Amino acid sequence: MTLQAPLDTVAIRKIIPHRYPFLLVDRIIELTPGERAVGIKNVTANEEFFQGHFPDFPVMPGVLIVEAIAQVGAVAMLSKPEFEGQLALFAGIDKVRFKRQVKPGDSILIKVELGQVRRNIGTGTGTATVDGDVACKGDFMFALVPDVTKG
């Protein structure tokens, strides 16, 4: 499969198995398979998590921002032909910092740079920004495993 940005949600869903309400990337606007990707998540007032986090002060949970970064990273890695048919699973996160709240109406720009994959373990670093301000950044490790969701 040869992919080229931009990718919409239809193309993204062909690469990663996430679906509503847990697909947290709307578009991939830059892509170098196996190396890097830049994605967009448009945060709306209709997101399910705002019902409980928090009803009178809606803030996107930080863990979901980290997940959005991971999903952009998974698209970057799994779009490389040699990793087709694999899943990228979290193996660790490190140095994660939250610098700004993400609220309804925000558009998150997510940039991910991948490191090398040794055996089936890879690394990356990601940054999520809103209006040029860092909302979240951190390093992550992932394991590539066979995709059992496509059985």
N, C-alpha and C. Protein backbone atom coordinates (compact mmCIF):
# COMPACT_ATOMS: atom_id res chain seq x y z
N MET A 1 0.85 -1.16 0.00
CA MET A 1 0.00 0.00 0.00
C MET A 1 0.90 1.24 0.00
N THR A 2 0.72 2.11 -0.97
CA THR A 2 1.47 3.36 -1.02
C THR A 2 0.53 4.48 -0.61
N LEU A 3 0.90 5.19 0.43
CA LEU A 3 0.05 6.24 0.96
C LEU A 3 0.73 7.59 0.83
N GLN A 4 -0.10 8.59 0.64
CA GLN A 4 0.39 9.96 0.55
C GLN A 4 -0.62 10.87 1.23
N ALA A 5 -0.10 11.81 2.02
CA ALA A 5 -0.98 12.76 2.71
C ALA A 5 -1.56 13.73 1.68
N PRO A 6 -2.72 14.28 1.94
CA PRO A 6 -3.51 14.13 3.16
C PRO A 6 -4.33 12.84 3.18
N LEU A 7 -4.56 12.34 4.40
CA LEU A 7 -5.40 11.17 4.61
C LEU A 7 -6.61 11.60 5.42
N ASP A 8 -7.81 11.19 4.97
CA ASP A 8 -9.02 11.47 5.74
C ASP A 8 -9.31 10.29 6.66
N THR A 9 -10.42 10.35 7.39
CA THR A 9 -10.71 9.28 8.35
C THR A 9 -10.94 7.93 7.67
N VAL A 10 -11.44 7.93 6.45
CA VAL A 10 -11.63 6.66 5.74
C VAL A 10 -10.28 5.99 5.51
N ALA A 11 -9.30 6.74 5.06
CA ALA A 11 -7.96 6.19 4.84
C ALA A 11 -7.29 5.82 6.16
N ILE A 12 -7.48 6.65 7.18
CA ILE A 12 -6.87 6.37 8.49
C ILE A 12 -7.41 5.05 9.05
N ARG A 13 -8.72 4.82 8.90
CA ARG A 13 -9.33 3.59 9.44
C ARG A 13 -8.85 2.34 8.70
N LYS A 14 -8.27 2.49 7.52
CA LYS A 14 -7.68 1.35 6.82
C LYS A 14 -6.32 0.99 7.40
N ILE A 15 -5.72 1.90 8.17
CA ILE A 15 -4.38 1.69 8.73
C ILE A 15 -4.44 1.27 10.19
N ILE A 16 -5.28 1.95 10.98
CA ILE A 16 -5.41 1.62 12.40
C ILE A 16 -6.84 1.17 12.69
N PRO A 17 -7.03 0.32 13.71
CA PRO A 17 -8.36 -0.25 13.95
C PRO A 17 -9.30 0.62 14.77
N HIS A 18 -8.87 1.77 15.23
CA HIS A 18 -9.69 2.60 16.11
C HIS A 18 -10.95 3.09 15.39
N ARG A 19 -12.04 3.15 16.13
CA ARG A 19 -13.33 3.60 15.61
C ARG A 19 -13.98 4.52 16.63
N TYR A 20 -15.03 5.22 16.19
CA TYR A 20 -15.78 6.10 17.09
C TYR A 20 -16.22 5.29 18.30
N PRO A 21 -16.12 5.82 19.48
CA PRO A 21 -15.69 7.16 19.85
C PRO A 21 -14.20 7.27 20.16
N PHE A 22 -13.42 6.26 19.78
CA PHE A 22 -12.02 6.26 20.18
C PHE A 22 -11.05 6.56 19.05
N LEU A 23 -11.54 6.91 17.88
CA LEU A 23 -10.65 7.38 16.81
C LEU A 23 -10.41 8.86 17.09
N LEU A 24 -9.17 9.21 17.44
CA LEU A 24 -8.87 10.56 17.92
C LEU A 24 -7.99 11.35 16.95
N VAL A 25 -8.04 11.01 15.69
CA VAL A 25 -7.34 11.79 14.66
C VAL A 25 -8.30 11.92 13.47
N ASP A 26 -8.47 13.15 13.00
CA ASP A 26 -9.40 13.42 11.91
C ASP A 26 -8.74 13.43 10.53
N ARG A 27 -7.48 13.88 10.50
CA ARG A 27 -6.75 13.97 9.23
C ARG A 27 -5.26 13.81 9.48
N ILE A 28 -4.59 13.25 8.50
CA ILE A 28 -3.13 13.24 8.47
C ILE A 28 -2.76 14.20 7.34
N ILE A 29 -2.02 15.26 7.68
CA ILE A 29 -1.70 16.28 6.67
C ILE A 29 -0.28 16.16 6.14
N GLU A 30 0.58 15.46 6.87
CA GLU A 30 1.94 15.17 6.40
C GLU A 30 2.27 13.74 6.80
N LEU A 31 2.96 13.02 5.90
CA LEU A 31 3.27 11.63 6.19
C LEU A 31 4.54 11.21 5.47
N THR A 32 5.47 10.70 6.24
CA THR A 32 6.63 9.99 5.71
C THR A 32 6.59 8.62 6.38
N PRO A 33 6.08 7.59 5.68
CA PRO A 33 5.88 6.29 6.30
C PRO A 33 7.14 5.78 7.02
N GLY A 34 6.91 5.33 8.26
CA GLY A 34 7.98 4.80 9.07
C GLY A 34 8.86 5.85 9.74
N GLU A 35 8.60 7.14 9.45
CA GLU A 35 9.45 8.20 10.00
C GLU A 35 8.70 9.27 10.78
N ARG A 36 7.65 9.83 10.18
CA ARG A 36 6.97 10.95 10.84
C ARG A 36 5.57 11.13 10.26
N ALA A 37 4.73 11.82 11.03
CA ALA A 37 3.40 12.20 10.56
C ALA A 37 2.94 13.42 11.34
N VAL A 38 2.06 14.18 10.69
CA VAL A 38 1.41 15.32 11.32
C VAL A 38 -0.09 15.12 11.12
N GLY A 39 -0.82 15.18 12.22
CA GLY A 39 -2.26 14.96 12.16
C GLY A 39 -3.03 16.08 12.84
N ILE A 40 -4.33 16.07 12.59
CA ILE A 40 -5.25 17.06 13.16
C ILE A 40 -6.37 16.34 13.89
N LYS A 41 -6.69 16.83 15.09
CA LYS A 41 -7.89 16.41 15.82
C LYS A 41 -8.69 17.67 16.10
N ASN A 42 -9.88 17.75 15.52
CA ASN A 42 -10.78 18.87 15.80
C ASN A 42 -11.67 18.48 16.97
N VAL A 43 -11.57 19.21 18.04
CA VAL A 43 -12.29 18.89 19.27
C VAL A 43 -13.61 19.65 19.27
N THR A 44 -14.72 18.91 19.35
CA THR A 44 -16.04 19.54 19.33
C THR A 44 -16.72 19.40 20.69
N ALA A 45 -17.72 20.21 20.90
CA ALA A 45 -18.49 20.13 22.14
C ALA A 45 -19.26 18.81 22.25
N ASN A 46 -19.38 18.09 21.15
CA ASN A 46 -20.14 16.83 21.13
C ASN A 46 -19.32 15.62 21.52
N GLU A 47 -18.04 15.78 21.86
CA GLU A 47 -17.21 14.64 22.24
C GLU A 47 -17.83 13.99 23.48
N GLU A 48 -17.92 12.66 23.46
CA GLU A 48 -18.55 11.93 24.58
C GLU A 48 -17.88 12.21 25.92
N PHE A 49 -16.56 12.36 25.92
CA PHE A 49 -15.86 12.52 27.20
C PHE A 49 -16.21 13.82 27.91
N PHE A 50 -16.72 14.81 27.19
CA PHE A 50 -17.09 16.07 27.84
C PHE A 50 -18.32 15.92 28.73
N GLN A 51 -19.11 14.86 28.54
CA GLN A 51 -20.29 14.65 29.40
C GLN A 51 -19.89 14.48 30.86
N GLY A 52 -18.72 13.91 31.10
CA GLY A 52 -18.31 13.69 32.47
C GLY A 52 -17.00 14.35 32.85
N HIS A 53 -16.35 15.03 31.90
CA HIS A 53 -15.00 15.60 32.16
C HIS A 53 -14.94 17.03 31.64
N PHE A 54 -15.38 17.94 32.15
CA PHE A 54 -16.29 18.07 33.28
C PHE A 54 -17.50 18.80 32.77
N PRO A 55 -18.72 18.44 33.19
CA PRO A 55 -19.92 19.01 32.58
C PRO A 55 -19.96 20.54 32.58
N ASP A 56 -19.50 21.17 33.64
CA ASP A 56 -19.54 22.64 33.69
C ASP A 56 -18.21 23.29 33.32
N PHE A 57 -17.21 22.48 33.02
CA PHE A 57 -15.88 22.99 32.66
C PHE A 57 -15.22 21.95 31.75
N PRO A 58 -15.71 21.84 30.49
CA PRO A 58 -15.23 20.77 29.61
C PRO A 58 -13.75 20.91 29.24
N VAL A 59 -12.98 19.88 29.58
CA VAL A 59 -11.55 19.81 29.29
C VAL A 59 -11.27 18.41 28.75
N MET A 60 -10.56 18.31 27.63
CA MET A 60 -10.20 17.01 27.09
C MET A 60 -9.23 16.32 28.06
N PRO A 61 -9.54 15.08 28.45
CA PRO A 61 -8.63 14.37 29.35
C PRO A 61 -7.23 14.24 28.75
N GLY A 62 -6.21 14.50 29.56
CA GLY A 62 -4.84 14.43 29.08
C GLY A 62 -4.48 13.09 28.50
N VAL A 63 -5.00 12.02 29.08
CA VAL A 63 -4.70 10.68 28.59
C VAL A 63 -5.21 10.50 27.15
N LEU A 64 -6.28 11.20 26.80
CA LEU A 64 -6.79 11.10 25.42
C LEU A 64 -5.95 11.91 24.46
N ILE A 65 -5.32 12.97 24.93
CA ILE A 65 -4.38 13.71 24.09
C ILE A 65 -3.17 12.82 23.80
N VAL A 66 -2.70 12.11 24.83
CA VAL A 66 -1.60 11.16 24.64
C VAL A 66 -2.02 10.07 23.64
N GLU A 67 -3.23 9.58 23.76
CA GLU A 67 -3.73 8.57 22.83
C GLU A 67 -3.79 9.11 21.40
N ALA A 68 -4.20 10.37 21.23
CA ALA A 68 -4.23 10.97 19.90
C ALA A 68 -2.82 11.02 19.30
N ILE A 69 -1.84 11.38 20.12
CA ILE A 69 -0.44 11.37 19.67
C ILE A 69 -0.05 9.96 19.24
N ALA A 70 -0.41 8.97 20.05
CA ALA A 70 -0.08 7.58 19.72
C ALA A 70 -0.74 7.13 18.43
N GLN A 71 -1.98 7.56 18.18
CA GLN A 71 -2.65 7.17 16.95
C GLN A 71 -1.99 7.77 15.72
N VAL A 72 -1.54 9.02 15.82
CA VAL A 72 -0.81 9.62 14.70
C VAL A 72 0.50 8.85 14.48
N GLY A 73 1.17 8.49 15.59
CA GLY A 73 2.39 7.69 15.47
C GLY A 73 2.12 6.33 14.85
N ALA A 74 1.01 5.71 15.22
CA ALA A 74 0.65 4.41 14.64
C ALA A 74 0.42 4.53 13.14
N VAL A 75 -0.23 5.59 12.70
CA VAL A 75 -0.43 5.80 11.26
C VAL A 75 0.93 5.94 10.57
N ALA A 76 1.84 6.70 11.18
CA ALA A 76 3.17 6.87 10.59
C ALA A 76 3.89 5.53 10.46
N MET A 77 3.84 4.72 11.50
CA MET A 77 4.56 3.44 11.47
C MET A 77 3.87 2.42 10.57
N LEU A 78 2.56 2.26 10.74
CA LEU A 78 1.85 1.19 10.05
C LEU A 78 1.59 1.50 8.58
N SER A 79 1.86 2.72 8.15
CA SER A 79 1.73 3.05 6.72
C SER A 79 2.95 2.59 5.93
N LYS A 80 3.99 2.15 6.63
CA LYS A 80 5.18 1.60 5.98
C LYS A 80 4.82 0.18 5.52
N PRO A 81 5.00 -0.14 4.23
CA PRO A 81 4.53 -1.42 3.71
C PRO A 81 4.98 -2.65 4.50
N GLU A 82 6.17 -2.65 5.03
CA GLU A 82 6.65 -3.83 5.76
C GLU A 82 5.92 -4.07 7.08
N PHE A 83 5.17 -3.06 7.56
CA PHE A 83 4.43 -3.22 8.81
C PHE A 83 2.92 -3.37 8.58
N GLU A 84 2.50 -3.50 7.33
CA GLU A 84 1.09 -3.72 7.03
C GLU A 84 0.64 -5.02 7.71
N GLY A 85 -0.55 -5.01 8.28
CA GLY A 85 -1.06 -6.19 8.98
C GLY A 85 -0.61 -6.29 10.42
N GLN A 86 -0.03 -5.21 10.95
CA GLN A 86 0.42 -5.18 12.34
C GLN A 86 -0.43 -4.19 13.13
N LEU A 87 -0.38 -4.31 14.44
CA LEU A 87 -0.95 -3.33 15.36
C LEU A 87 0.21 -2.71 16.13
N ALA A 88 0.09 -1.43 16.46
CA ALA A 88 1.07 -0.78 17.31
C ALA A 88 0.41 -0.60 18.68
N LEU A 89 0.96 -1.25 19.70
CA LEU A 89 0.42 -1.18 21.05
C LEU A 89 1.37 -0.40 21.95
N PHE A 90 0.81 0.39 22.86
CA PHE A 90 1.64 1.11 23.82
C PHE A 90 2.51 0.12 24.60
N ALA A 91 3.79 0.44 24.71
CA ALA A 91 4.70 -0.34 25.57
C ALA A 91 5.25 0.54 26.68
N GLY A 92 5.11 1.86 26.53
CA GLY A 92 5.56 2.76 27.58
C GLY A 92 5.44 4.22 27.15
N ILE A 93 5.34 5.09 28.13
CA ILE A 93 5.37 6.53 27.88
C ILE A 93 6.33 7.15 28.89
N ASP A 94 6.98 8.23 28.49
CA ASP A 94 7.99 8.84 29.34
C ASP A 94 8.02 10.34 29.07
N LYS A 95 8.36 11.09 30.09
CA LYS A 95 8.55 12.54 29.98
C LYS A 95 7.31 13.25 29.42
N VAL A 96 6.13 12.75 29.72
CA VAL A 96 4.90 13.38 29.24
C VAL A 96 4.59 14.59 30.12
N ARG A 97 4.32 15.69 29.48
CA ARG A 97 3.98 16.93 30.18
C ARG A 97 2.75 17.55 29.52
N PHE A 98 1.88 18.09 30.36
CA PHE A 98 0.69 18.79 29.90
C PHE A 98 0.90 20.26 30.19
N LYS A 99 0.80 21.09 29.16
CA LYS A 99 1.13 22.51 29.29
C LYS A 99 -0.08 23.43 29.12
N ARG A 100 -1.15 22.89 28.53
CA ARG A 100 -2.30 23.73 28.19
C ARG A 100 -3.54 22.84 28.15
N GLN A 101 -4.66 23.37 28.59
CA GLN A 101 -5.92 22.63 28.50
C GLN A 101 -6.41 22.64 27.05
N VAL A 102 -7.10 21.56 26.68
CA VAL A 102 -7.74 21.46 25.38
C VAL A 102 -9.24 21.47 25.62
N LYS A 103 -9.92 22.39 24.94
CA LYS A 103 -11.35 22.61 25.18
C LYS A 103 -12.14 22.49 23.88
N PRO A 104 -13.47 22.42 23.99
CA PRO A 104 -14.29 22.38 22.77
C PRO A 104 -13.96 23.55 21.86
N GLY A 105 -13.89 23.26 20.56
CA GLY A 105 -13.57 24.28 19.58
C GLY A 105 -12.10 24.34 19.21
N ASP A 106 -11.26 23.69 20.02
CA ASP A 106 -9.82 23.67 19.72
C ASP A 106 -9.52 22.69 18.58
N SER A 107 -8.50 23.01 17.82
CA SER A 107 -7.96 22.12 16.81
C SER A 107 -6.54 21.76 17.24
N ILE A 108 -6.31 20.48 17.44
CA ILE A 108 -4.99 20.02 17.92
C ILE A 108 -4.14 19.62 16.72
N LEU A 109 -2.96 20.20 16.64
CA LEU A 109 -1.98 19.82 15.63
C LEU A 109 -1.01 18.85 16.31
N ILE A 110 -0.93 17.64 15.78
CA ILE A 110 -0.15 16.57 16.41
C ILE A 110 1.01 16.20 15.51
N LYS A 111 2.23 16.36 16.03
CA LYS A 111 3.43 16.02 15.27
C LYS A 111 4.14 14.86 15.96
N VAL A 112 4.47 13.84 15.18
CA VAL A 112 5.15 12.67 15.72
C VAL A 112 6.38 12.35 14.87
N GLU A 113 7.49 12.14 15.54
CA GLU A 113 8.74 11.67 14.92
C GLU A 113 9.03 10.29 15.49
N LEU A 114 9.25 9.32 14.63
CA LEU A 114 9.53 7.97 15.08
C LEU A 114 11.02 7.70 15.12
N GLY A 115 11.42 6.85 16.07
CA GLY A 115 12.79 6.37 16.11
C GLY A 115 12.88 5.06 15.35
N GLN A 116 13.89 4.29 15.65
CA GLN A 116 14.07 3.01 14.99
C GLN A 116 13.21 1.93 15.64
N VAL A 117 12.94 0.89 14.84
CA VAL A 117 12.27 -0.30 15.35
C VAL A 117 13.32 -1.40 15.43
N ARG A 118 13.47 -1.95 16.61
CA ARG A 118 14.38 -3.08 16.79
C ARG A 118 13.54 -4.27 17.21
N ARG A 119 13.66 -5.35 16.43
CA ARG A 119 12.79 -6.50 16.58
C ARG A 119 11.37 -5.99 16.38
N ASN A 120 10.56 -5.99 17.42
CA ASN A 120 9.19 -5.47 17.25
C ASN A 120 8.91 -4.28 18.17
N ILE A 121 9.96 -3.65 18.71
CA ILE A 121 9.79 -2.53 19.63
C ILE A 121 10.30 -1.25 18.97
N GLY A 122 9.48 -0.21 19.03
CA GLY A 122 9.86 1.08 18.45
C GLY A 122 9.65 2.21 19.44
N THR A 123 10.21 3.37 19.08
CA THR A 123 10.09 4.55 19.93
C THR A 123 9.65 5.74 19.09
N GLY A 124 9.20 6.77 19.79
CA GLY A 124 8.83 8.00 19.11
C GLY A 124 8.69 9.14 20.10
N THR A 125 8.54 10.31 19.54
CA THR A 125 8.28 11.50 20.36
C THR A 125 7.16 12.27 19.69
N GLY A 126 6.29 12.85 20.50
CA GLY A 126 5.16 13.55 19.94
C GLY A 126 4.86 14.84 20.68
N THR A 127 4.27 15.77 19.92
CA THR A 127 3.86 17.06 20.47
C THR A 127 2.48 17.39 19.94
N ALA A 128 1.60 17.82 20.84
CA ALA A 128 0.27 18.28 20.47
C ALA A 128 0.18 19.77 20.80
N THR A 129 -0.15 20.58 19.79
CA THR A 129 -0.24 22.02 20.00
C THR A 129 -1.63 22.52 19.63
N VAL A 130 -2.02 23.62 20.26
CA VAL A 130 -3.26 24.32 19.94
C VAL A 130 -2.89 25.78 19.75
N ASP A 131 -3.18 26.32 18.59
CA ASP A 131 -2.87 27.72 18.27
C ASP A 131 -1.40 28.03 18.53
N GLY A 132 -0.51 27.07 18.24
CA GLY A 132 0.92 27.28 18.40
C GLY A 132 1.45 27.06 19.80
N ASP A 133 0.56 26.83 20.77
CA ASP A 133 0.98 26.59 22.15
C ASP A 133 0.99 25.08 22.43
N VAL A 134 2.05 24.60 23.07
CA VAL A 134 2.15 23.17 23.39
C VAL A 134 1.08 22.82 24.44
N ALA A 135 0.27 21.81 24.10
CA ALA A 135 -0.72 21.28 25.04
C ALA A 135 -0.17 20.05 25.74
N CYS A 136 0.59 19.24 25.01
CA CYS A 136 1.13 18.00 25.54
C CYS A 136 2.33 17.59 24.70
N LYS A 137 3.33 17.04 25.38
CA LYS A 137 4.47 16.47 24.66
C LYS A 137 5.03 15.32 25.46
N GLY A 138 5.68 14.40 24.76
CA GLY A 138 6.26 13.27 25.47
C GLY A 138 6.85 12.25 24.53
N ASP A 139 7.50 11.26 25.12
CA ASP A 139 8.12 10.16 24.40
C ASP A 139 7.29 8.90 24.64
N PHE A 140 7.32 8.00 23.67
CA PHE A 140 6.57 6.76 23.83
C PHE A 140 7.33 5.59 23.22
N MET A 141 6.95 4.41 23.66
CA MET A 141 7.48 3.17 23.13
C MET A 141 6.28 2.31 22.74
N PHE A 142 6.44 1.57 21.65
CA PHE A 142 5.34 0.74 21.20
C PHE A 142 5.86 -0.62 20.76
N ALA A 143 4.96 -1.58 20.80
CA ALA A 143 5.26 -2.93 20.33
C ALA A 143 4.41 -3.21 19.10
N LEU A 144 5.03 -3.77 18.08
CA LEU A 144 4.30 -4.19 16.88
C LEU A 144 3.92 -5.65 17.04
N VAL A 145 2.63 -5.93 16.89
CA VAL A 145 2.13 -7.30 17.02
C VAL A 145 1.19 -7.59 15.85
N PRO A 146 0.95 -8.86 15.54
CA PRO A 146 0.01 -9.17 14.46
C PRO A 146 -1.36 -8.60 14.75
N ASP A 147 -2.02 -8.06 13.72
CA ASP A 147 -3.33 -7.45 13.87
C ASP A 147 -4.41 -8.52 13.88
N VAL A 148 -4.86 -8.88 15.08
CA VAL A 148 -5.90 -9.91 15.21
C VAL A 148 -7.30 -9.35 14.94
N THR A 149 -7.41 -8.01 14.77
CA THR A 149 -8.72 -7.42 14.52
C THR A 149 -9.18 -7.66 13.08
N LYS A 150 -8.28 -8.09 12.22
CA LYS A 150 -8.63 -8.30 10.81
C LYS A 150 -8.78 -9.78 10.49
N GLY A 151 -9.28 -10.53 11.47
CA GLY A 151 -9.41 -11.98 11.32
C GLY A 151 -10.49 -12.34 10.42
